Amino acid sequence: MNSTTLFLAAVVLLSCLGSAPAMDRSELGDVLKTIPPNGPFWKYGTLVMRRRTKKAGMAPVVFAHWSHRARYTCRVCHLDLGFSMRAGDTGISRAQYTAGKYCGACHDGVTAFGVQDGEPSLCARCHMKDTQALEASFETFAAPLPMAGFGNGIDWAGALKSGRISPRNSLSFAAPSMPLPEKLHLPMKLSTAAPRSDVTFSHEDHFSELDCSSCHPDIFNIKKKGTVDFSMDKNIFGNYCGACHMRVAFPMNDCKRCHPYMSNFSGF
């Protein structure tokens, strides 16, 4: 049975949790372990971009979210700099880079290394023929941070709350920060079809990294009943929460992070 078949089996099993008889959770866990993204910790949230580099005869760009998350919140790149949350939507070019857009906003040779002069050794820091150096740097990077059992093995929320990381929320030091409305400080309780698996959602945790417009209205429409088809299989396919939580944020098999009341169960 190949990984695609196992992945589809996981979707079917998850969609039946609310209505089917109880099933063997260890068996389900074995299936869920195969769902993408998988692999070593350093690889989770690491993007390999080769659509344009292949045409140019260059090694692909390997972008590690984890190395940037400690320095900047998600909103800096995905709101201020205009990077789309969806793969392939942005289409970065070298001309844009050297003009100070996208990656070039920081990688200008001052804030971070730049490649405006085409120095091959600097180009190779993103255009990687192999990832051995990146893998080694992850071990050093992750060592002082709180651990998690899923995703890239780092508890990012814990690192932020403990002060072990202090990411900037804007490229401009003078930019004002919008306060979170008082009524959104308390966690939301969202019911589910399956008993004892209600979701606890924290706007506060998400707002520390994102902006309201990151989710509303494109992912969650708060004016229309746009989540009537919200389900676990939709999330696994990258919709709703899965827009981040199957790619960069902790993955969907870390069940108790969202379903804290699942009795005698700590995730697969």
Protein backbone atom coordinates (compact mmCIF):
# COMPACT_ATOMS: atom_id res chain seq x y z
CA MET A 1 0.00 0.00 0.00
CA ASN A 2 1.60 3.30 -1.05
CA SER A 3 1.56 6.59 0.90
CA THR A 4 -1.21 8.10 -1.24
CA THR A 5 -3.51 5.16 -0.49
CA LEU A 6 -2.72 5.40 3.21
CA PHE A 7 -3.40 9.13 3.16
CA LEU A 8 -6.82 8.64 1.56
CA ALA A 9 -7.57 5.92 4.09
CA ALA A 10 -6.80 8.38 6.88
CA VAL A 11 -9.24 10.89 5.42
CA VAL A 12 -12.02 8.30 5.24
CA LEU A 13 -11.40 7.13 8.79
CA LEU A 14 -11.35 10.65 10.16
CA SER A 15 -14.56 11.61 8.41
CA CYS A 16 -16.30 8.68 10.09
CA LEU A 17 -15.20 9.37 13.66
CA GLY A 18 -18.43 11.12 14.60
CA SER A 19 -20.83 8.45 13.38
CA ALA A 20 -19.07 5.09 13.11
CA PRO A 21 -18.63 2.56 15.94
CA ALA A 22 -15.48 2.90 18.04
CA MET A 23 -12.37 1.81 16.20
CA ASP A 24 -8.88 0.76 17.22
CA ARG A 25 -7.05 4.06 17.79
CA SER A 26 -3.62 2.48 17.49
CA GLU A 27 -4.55 1.27 14.02
CA LEU A 28 -5.80 4.73 13.11
CA GLY A 29 -2.60 6.18 14.56
CA ASP A 30 -0.46 4.04 12.26
CA VAL A 31 -2.36 5.45 9.30
CA LEU A 32 -2.14 9.05 10.51
CA LYS A 33 1.62 8.79 10.89
CA THR A 34 1.86 8.44 7.12
CA ILE A 35 -0.07 11.59 6.22
CA PRO A 36 1.97 14.42 4.76
CA PRO A 37 3.90 16.36 5.75
CA ASN A 38 6.19 13.74 7.26
CA GLY A 39 9.88 13.12 7.64
CA PRO A 40 12.58 14.41 10.02
CA PHE A 41 11.92 17.42 12.27
CA TRP A 42 14.05 19.87 10.25
CA LYS A 43 11.99 19.16 7.15
CA TYR A 44 8.57 20.11 8.53
CA GLY A 45 7.66 23.58 7.30
CA THR A 46 10.62 23.64 4.91
CA LEU A 47 9.66 24.55 1.36
CA VAL A 48 11.50 23.48 -1.77
CA MET A 49 10.84 25.88 -4.64
CA ARG A 50 12.02 24.75 -8.04
CA ARG A 51 9.42 25.95 -10.57
CA ARG A 52 11.52 28.91 -11.76
CA THR A 53 14.98 27.71 -10.72
CA LYS A 54 14.74 24.59 -12.87
CA LYS A 55 14.18 26.70 -15.98
CA ALA A 56 17.20 28.83 -15.04
CA GLY A 57 19.38 25.76 -14.51
CA MET A 58 19.89 26.50 -10.81
CA ALA A 59 19.48 24.41 -7.67
CA PRO A 60 16.07 24.81 -6.00
CA VAL A 61 15.46 27.37 -3.27
CA VAL A 62 15.08 25.68 0.11
CA PHE A 63 13.22 27.92 2.54
CA ALA A 64 13.13 26.94 6.21
CA HIS A 65 10.19 28.51 8.05
CA TRP A 66 11.73 27.53 11.39
CA SER A 67 14.83 29.68 10.92
CA HIS A 68 12.67 32.75 10.23
CA ARG A 69 9.93 32.20 12.84
CA ALA A 70 12.28 33.03 15.72
CA ARG A 71 13.00 36.45 14.15
CA TYR A 72 9.65 37.54 12.70
CA THR A 73 6.01 36.67 13.22
CA CYS A 74 4.04 35.10 10.39
CA ARG A 75 2.26 38.39 9.66
CA VAL A 76 5.51 40.15 8.62
CA CYS A 77 5.98 37.97 5.55
CA HIS A 78 2.38 37.05 4.83
CA LEU A 79 0.88 40.50 5.34
CA ASP A 80 3.54 43.22 5.21
CA LEU A 81 5.60 41.62 2.44
CA GLY A 82 2.69 40.06 0.55
CA PHE A 83 3.72 36.40 0.47
CA SER A 84 0.69 34.25 -0.30
CA MET A 85 -0.17 31.40 2.07
CA ARG A 86 -0.69 29.16 -0.95
CA ALA A 87 2.22 27.58 -2.79
CA GLY A 88 2.99 29.04 -6.19
CA ASP A 89 0.80 32.15 -5.82
CA THR A 90 3.57 34.69 -5.25
CA GLY A 91 6.03 33.90 -8.05
CA ILE A 92 9.19 35.62 -6.82
CA SER A 93 11.71 36.75 -9.44
CA ARG A 94 15.30 37.89 -9.08
CA ALA A 95 14.34 41.34 -10.38
CA GLN A 96 11.82 41.70 -7.54
CA TYR A 97 14.38 40.46 -5.05
CA THR A 98 17.06 42.96 -6.06
CA ALA A 99 14.42 45.73 -6.03
CA GLY A 100 13.85 45.07 -2.32
CA LYS A 101 10.60 43.15 -2.56
CA TYR A 102 9.71 39.87 -0.86
CA CYS A 103 12.94 38.23 0.41
CA GLY A 104 14.87 41.31 -0.70
CA ALA A 105 13.19 43.44 1.98
CA CYS A 106 15.54 41.82 4.53
CA HIS A 107 18.18 40.08 2.41
CA ASP A 108 19.77 43.33 1.33
CA GLY A 109 23.29 42.73 2.63
CA VAL A 110 22.57 44.80 5.76
CA THR A 111 19.70 43.22 7.70
CA ALA A 112 20.56 39.77 6.34
CA PHE A 113 22.94 38.43 3.68
CA GLY A 114 22.18 39.63 0.17
CA VAL A 115 22.97 38.31 -3.29
CA GLN A 116 22.60 41.50 -5.30
CA ASP A 117 26.16 41.11 -6.63
CA GLY A 118 25.63 37.45 -7.56
CA GLU A 119 28.30 36.03 -5.23
CA PRO A 120 27.99 32.21 -5.75
CA SER A 121 28.73 31.29 -2.12
CA LEU A 122 25.88 33.51 -0.94
CA CYS A 123 23.49 32.30 -3.65
CA ALA A 124 24.14 28.75 -2.44
CA ARG A 125 22.74 29.61 0.98
CA CYS A 126 19.26 29.49 -0.56
CA HIS A 127 19.82 27.58 -3.81
CA MET A 128 20.89 24.33 -2.16
CA LYS A 129 22.30 21.31 -3.96
CA ASP A 130 22.03 19.39 -0.70
CA THR A 131 20.61 20.14 2.76
CA GLN A 132 23.34 18.75 5.04
CA ALA A 133 24.32 22.19 6.38
CA LEU A 134 20.65 23.11 6.94
CA GLU A 135 20.02 19.87 8.83
CA ALA A 136 23.02 20.51 11.08
CA SER A 137 21.97 24.09 11.78
CA PHE A 138 18.50 22.91 12.81
CA GLU A 139 19.95 20.75 15.59
CA THR A 140 21.76 23.78 17.03
CA PHE A 141 18.76 26.05 16.50
CA ALA A 142 16.24 23.73 18.18
CA ALA A 143 18.37 22.68 21.17
CA PRO A 144 17.43 25.57 23.54
CA LEU A 145 13.74 25.64 22.58
CA PRO A 146 10.89 23.72 24.28
CA MET A 147 10.15 20.40 22.63
CA ALA A 148 6.96 19.08 21.05
CA GLY A 149 6.23 15.63 19.70
CA PHE A 150 4.87 16.75 16.35
CA GLY A 151 5.71 18.97 13.38
CA ASN A 152 9.33 20.11 13.65
CA GLY A 153 9.58 19.09 17.29
CA ILE A 154 9.46 22.66 18.63
CA ASP A 155 6.68 24.03 20.85
CA TRP A 156 6.51 27.46 19.22
CA ALA A 157 3.70 28.77 21.42
CA GLY A 158 5.66 27.72 24.49
CA ALA A 159 8.84 29.35 23.16
CA LEU A 160 6.99 32.61 22.55
CA LYS A 161 5.26 32.67 25.95
CA SER A 162 8.47 31.82 27.82
CA GLY A 163 10.41 34.55 26.02
CA ARG A 164 12.90 32.14 24.44
CA ILE A 165 12.02 33.74 21.12
CA SER A 166 10.96 37.36 20.61
CA PRO A 167 9.96 37.74 16.97
CA ARG A 168 9.34 41.19 15.58
CA ASN A 169 5.78 41.89 14.48
CA SER A 170 6.72 44.42 11.81
CA LEU A 171 9.71 45.44 9.70
CA SER A 172 9.18 48.98 10.98
CA PHE A 173 10.02 49.57 14.63
CA ALA A 174 7.62 52.52 14.62
CA ALA A 175 4.62 50.54 13.36
CA PRO A 176 1.76 50.56 15.91
CA SER A 177 0.34 47.22 17.02
CA MET A 178 -3.40 46.65 16.90
CA PRO A 179 -4.77 45.38 20.23
CA LEU A 180 -6.81 42.21 20.37
CA PRO A 181 -10.46 43.00 21.22
CA GLU A 182 -11.19 42.19 24.86
CA LYS A 183 -13.98 39.75 24.02
CA LEU A 184 -11.53 37.59 22.05
CA HIS A 185 -9.10 37.02 24.91
CA LEU A 186 -11.04 34.03 26.24
CA PRO A 187 -10.75 30.73 24.32
CA MET A 188 -13.66 29.73 22.10
CA LYS A 189 -15.35 26.37 22.64
CA LEU A 190 -16.41 24.76 19.38
CA SER A 191 -18.58 21.65 19.43
CA THR A 192 -17.93 18.64 17.20
CA ALA A 193 -19.94 15.67 15.99
CA ALA A 194 -17.88 13.26 18.08
CA PRO A 195 -18.50 13.26 21.86
CA ARG A 196 -15.80 14.53 24.23
CA SER A 197 -13.75 16.04 21.41
CA ASP A 198 -14.85 19.69 21.44
CA VAL A 199 -12.28 22.14 20.10
CA THR A 200 -10.71 24.88 22.21
CA PHE A 201 -9.60 27.73 19.95
CA SER A 202 -7.48 30.65 21.16
CA HIS A 203 -7.68 33.89 19.19
CA GLU A 204 -4.99 35.24 21.51
CA ASP A 205 -2.42 32.58 20.56
CA HIS A 206 -3.05 33.10 16.85
CA PHE A 207 -3.09 36.88 17.09
CA SER A 208 0.41 36.82 18.59
CA GLU A 209 1.67 35.59 15.20
CA LEU A 210 -0.99 36.65 12.72
CA ASP A 211 -3.43 39.41 11.82
CA CYS A 212 -7.24 39.18 11.61
CA SER A 213 -7.00 39.44 7.83
CA SER A 214 -4.78 36.34 7.73
CA CYS A 215 -7.88 34.20 8.39
CA HIS A 216 -10.87 36.47 7.73
CA PRO A 217 -12.60 36.43 5.32
CA ASP A 218 -10.59 34.26 2.90
CA ILE A 219 -10.22 31.19 5.13
CA PHE A 220 -13.03 31.75 7.64
CA ASN A 221 -15.90 34.00 6.57
CA ILE A 222 -17.29 35.63 9.73
CA LYS A 223 -20.19 37.33 7.95
CA LYS A 224 -21.57 34.30 6.14
CA LYS A 225 -22.03 30.72 7.24
CA GLY A 226 -18.96 29.69 5.31
CA THR A 227 -17.92 26.92 7.65
CA VAL A 228 -21.01 24.73 7.38
CA ASP A 229 -18.89 22.12 5.61
CA PHE A 230 -16.04 22.38 8.15
CA SER A 231 -14.76 18.87 8.78
CA MET A 232 -11.59 16.99 9.61
CA ASP A 233 -11.07 15.74 6.09
CA LYS A 234 -11.46 19.29 4.70
CA ASN A 235 -8.75 20.41 7.12
CA ILE A 236 -6.43 17.58 6.09
CA PHE A 237 -6.77 18.64 2.46
CA GLY A 238 -5.47 22.12 3.41
CA ASN A 239 -8.71 24.03 3.95
CA TYR A 240 -9.62 26.09 7.03
CA CYS A 241 -7.14 25.31 9.86
CA GLY A 242 -5.26 23.02 7.47
CA ALA A 243 -4.05 26.06 5.51
CA CYS A 244 -1.34 26.36 8.18
CA HIS A 245 -1.70 23.25 10.33
CA MET A 246 -0.72 20.79 7.62
CA ARG A 247 2.24 22.82 6.39
CA VAL A 248 4.01 24.93 9.00
CA ALA A 249 2.10 25.07 12.29
CA PHE A 250 1.77 21.82 14.28
CA PRO A 251 0.12 19.15 12.10
CA MET A 252 -3.31 17.60 12.52
CA ASN A 253 -2.07 14.43 14.19
CA ASP A 254 -1.20 16.46 17.31
CA CYS A 255 -4.85 15.97 18.29
CA LYS A 256 -4.92 17.16 21.90
CA ARG A 257 -3.56 20.58 21.01
CA CYS A 258 -7.05 21.38 19.72
CA HIS A 259 -9.14 18.61 21.30
CA PRO A 260 -7.95 18.77 24.94
CA TYR A 261 -10.91 16.80 26.30
CA MET A 262 -10.28 13.61 24.35
CA SER A 263 -10.12 11.18 27.28
CA ASN A 264 -7.22 8.76 27.64
CA PHE A 265 -5.70 10.01 24.41
CA SER A 266 -2.64 12.14 23.83
CA GLY A 267 -2.39 12.20 20.05
CA PHE A 268 -0.84 9.85 17.53
